[in-house]
């Protein structure tokens, strides 16, 4: 279920207030509230955003994990979790899912 425009506005206001209180600049991998709103309001089927950990579950790169660098149309650009591999890889967005490791902090917001 997508949030209403009022809920999104409340969310953005709260995020901006929190950022102002912390008086710290956003980390480049941190989610921008405006980017989240664009994603939620779009009809995109992409469930990952910049900075998410992902695992490829289909295709030639199946089993590979990494961190999302950017999303371009229906493609996910990510940095694989291999020390000696410096280049980013591109995979179809429908081939990836969010990936959580034991010990990761996860916030449940519904359900």
Protein backbone atom coordinates (compact mmCIF):
# COMPACT_ATOMS: atom_id res chain seq x y z
CA UNK A 1 0.00 0.00 0.00
CA UNK A 2 1.37 3.39 -0.99
CA UNK A 3 1.29 6.26 1.51
CA UNK A 4 -1.01 9.22 0.93
CA UNK A 5 0.45 12.59 -0.13
CA UNK A 6 -0.22 13.92 3.39
CA UNK A 7 1.74 11.06 4.94
CA UNK A 8 4.63 11.69 2.56
CA UNK A 9 4.65 15.39 3.42
CA UNK A 10 4.70 14.57 7.14
CA UNK A 11 7.56 12.15 6.55
CA UNK A 12 9.62 14.74 4.63
CA UNK A 13 9.00 17.36 7.31
CA UNK A 14 10.10 14.95 10.05
CA UNK A 15 13.24 13.92 8.12
CA UNK A 16 14.22 17.53 7.47
CA UNK A 17 13.66 18.40 11.13
CA UNK A 18 15.77 15.42 12.22
CA UNK A 19 18.58 16.42 9.82
CA UNK A 20 18.46 20.01 11.09
CA UNK A 21 18.60 18.85 14.73
CA UNK A 22 21.58 16.60 14.04
CA UNK A 23 23.20 19.48 12.12
CA UNK A 24 25.17 17.02 10.04
CA UNK A 25 25.48 16.76 6.30
CA UNK A 26 23.93 13.74 4.65
CA UNK A 27 26.18 10.81 3.90
CA UNK A 28 26.32 10.19 0.14
CA UNK A 29 24.75 6.75 0.60
CA UNK A 30 21.97 8.04 2.89
CA UNK A 31 18.45 8.12 1.46
CA UNK A 32 17.16 11.57 0.56
CA UNK A 33 13.46 12.03 1.53
CA UNK A 34 12.65 13.60 -1.84
CA UNK A 35 14.16 10.60 -3.67
CA UNK A 36 12.05 8.27 -1.56
CA UNK A 37 8.89 10.21 -2.42
CA UNK A 38 9.68 10.03 -6.14
CA UNK A 39 10.17 6.28 -5.83
CA UNK A 40 6.97 5.75 -3.84
CA UNK A 41 4.85 7.85 -6.17
CA UNK A 42 6.20 6.22 -9.31
CA UNK A 43 4.75 3.00 -10.61
CA UNK A 44 8.21 1.45 -10.56
CA UNK A 45 8.60 -2.14 -9.45
CA UNK A 46 12.11 -1.46 -8.16
CA UNK A 47 12.29 -2.24 -4.45
CA UNK A 48 15.85 -1.10 -3.79
CA UNK A 49 17.36 2.35 -3.40
CA UNK A 50 20.86 3.77 -3.40
CA UNK A 51 22.88 2.34 -0.51
CA UNK A 52 20.85 -0.87 -0.07
CA UNK A 53 22.61 -4.20 0.22
CA UNK A 54 21.41 -6.53 -2.51
CA UNK A 55 21.74 -10.13 -3.64
CA UNK A 56 21.34 -11.19 -7.26
CA UNK A 57 18.97 -14.16 -7.41
CA UNK A 58 18.67 -14.67 -11.16
CA UNK A 59 20.89 -14.57 -14.23
CA UNK A 60 24.63 -14.90 -14.77
CA UNK A 61 25.49 -13.05 -11.55
CA UNK A 62 23.25 -15.24 -9.36
CA UNK A 63 24.44 -15.38 -5.74
CA UNK A 64 26.51 -12.20 -5.94
CA UNK A 65 26.00 -9.60 -3.20
CA UNK A 66 26.83 -5.92 -3.18
CA UNK A 67 25.70 -2.38 -2.47
CA UNK A 68 23.55 -0.26 -4.80
CA UNK A 69 25.43 2.70 -6.29
CA UNK A 70 22.61 3.99 -8.50
CA UNK A 71 19.47 3.02 -10.34
CA UNK A 72 19.16 3.81 -14.04
CA UNK A 73 15.75 3.06 -15.58
CA UNK A 74 15.23 -0.66 -14.91
CA UNK A 75 18.90 -1.38 -14.23
CA UNK A 76 20.68 -1.47 -10.87
CA UNK A 77 24.33 -0.37 -10.74
CA UNK A 78 26.07 -1.95 -7.76
CA UNK A 79 29.50 -2.49 -6.23
CA UNK A 80 30.10 -6.20 -5.58
CA UNK A 81 31.33 -7.35 -2.16
CA UNK A 82 34.71 -8.57 -3.41
CA UNK A 83 37.93 -6.97 -2.18
CA UNK A 84 39.86 -7.10 -5.43
CA UNK A 85 36.93 -6.20 -7.69
CA UNK A 86 36.86 -2.42 -8.15
CA UNK A 87 34.37 -2.00 -11.02
CA UNK A 88 30.62 -1.53 -10.65
CA UNK A 89 28.29 -4.06 -12.26
CA UNK A 90 24.89 -3.53 -13.87
CA UNK A 91 22.01 -5.98 -13.55
CA UNK A 92 18.30 -5.90 -14.34
CA UNK A 93 16.32 -4.61 -11.35
CA UNK A 94 13.99 -7.62 -11.45
CA UNK A 95 16.99 -9.88 -10.74
CA UNK A 96 17.86 -8.40 -7.33
CA UNK A 97 16.40 -8.32 -3.83
CA UNK A 98 17.38 -6.54 -0.65
CA UNK A 99 19.86 -8.52 1.39
CA UNK A 100 20.29 -8.50 5.16
CA UNK A 101 23.14 -10.05 7.11
CA UNK A 102 22.97 -11.22 10.72
CA UNK A 103 23.51 -8.22 12.97
CA UNK A 104 22.09 -5.63 10.54
CA UNK A 105 19.77 -3.06 12.09
CA UNK A 106 16.29 -3.31 10.59
CA UNK A 107 13.39 -1.04 11.46
CA UNK A 108 9.92 -2.55 11.08
CA UNK A 109 7.49 0.23 10.16
CA UNK A 110 4.35 -1.82 9.54
CA UNK A 111 2.92 -5.24 10.22
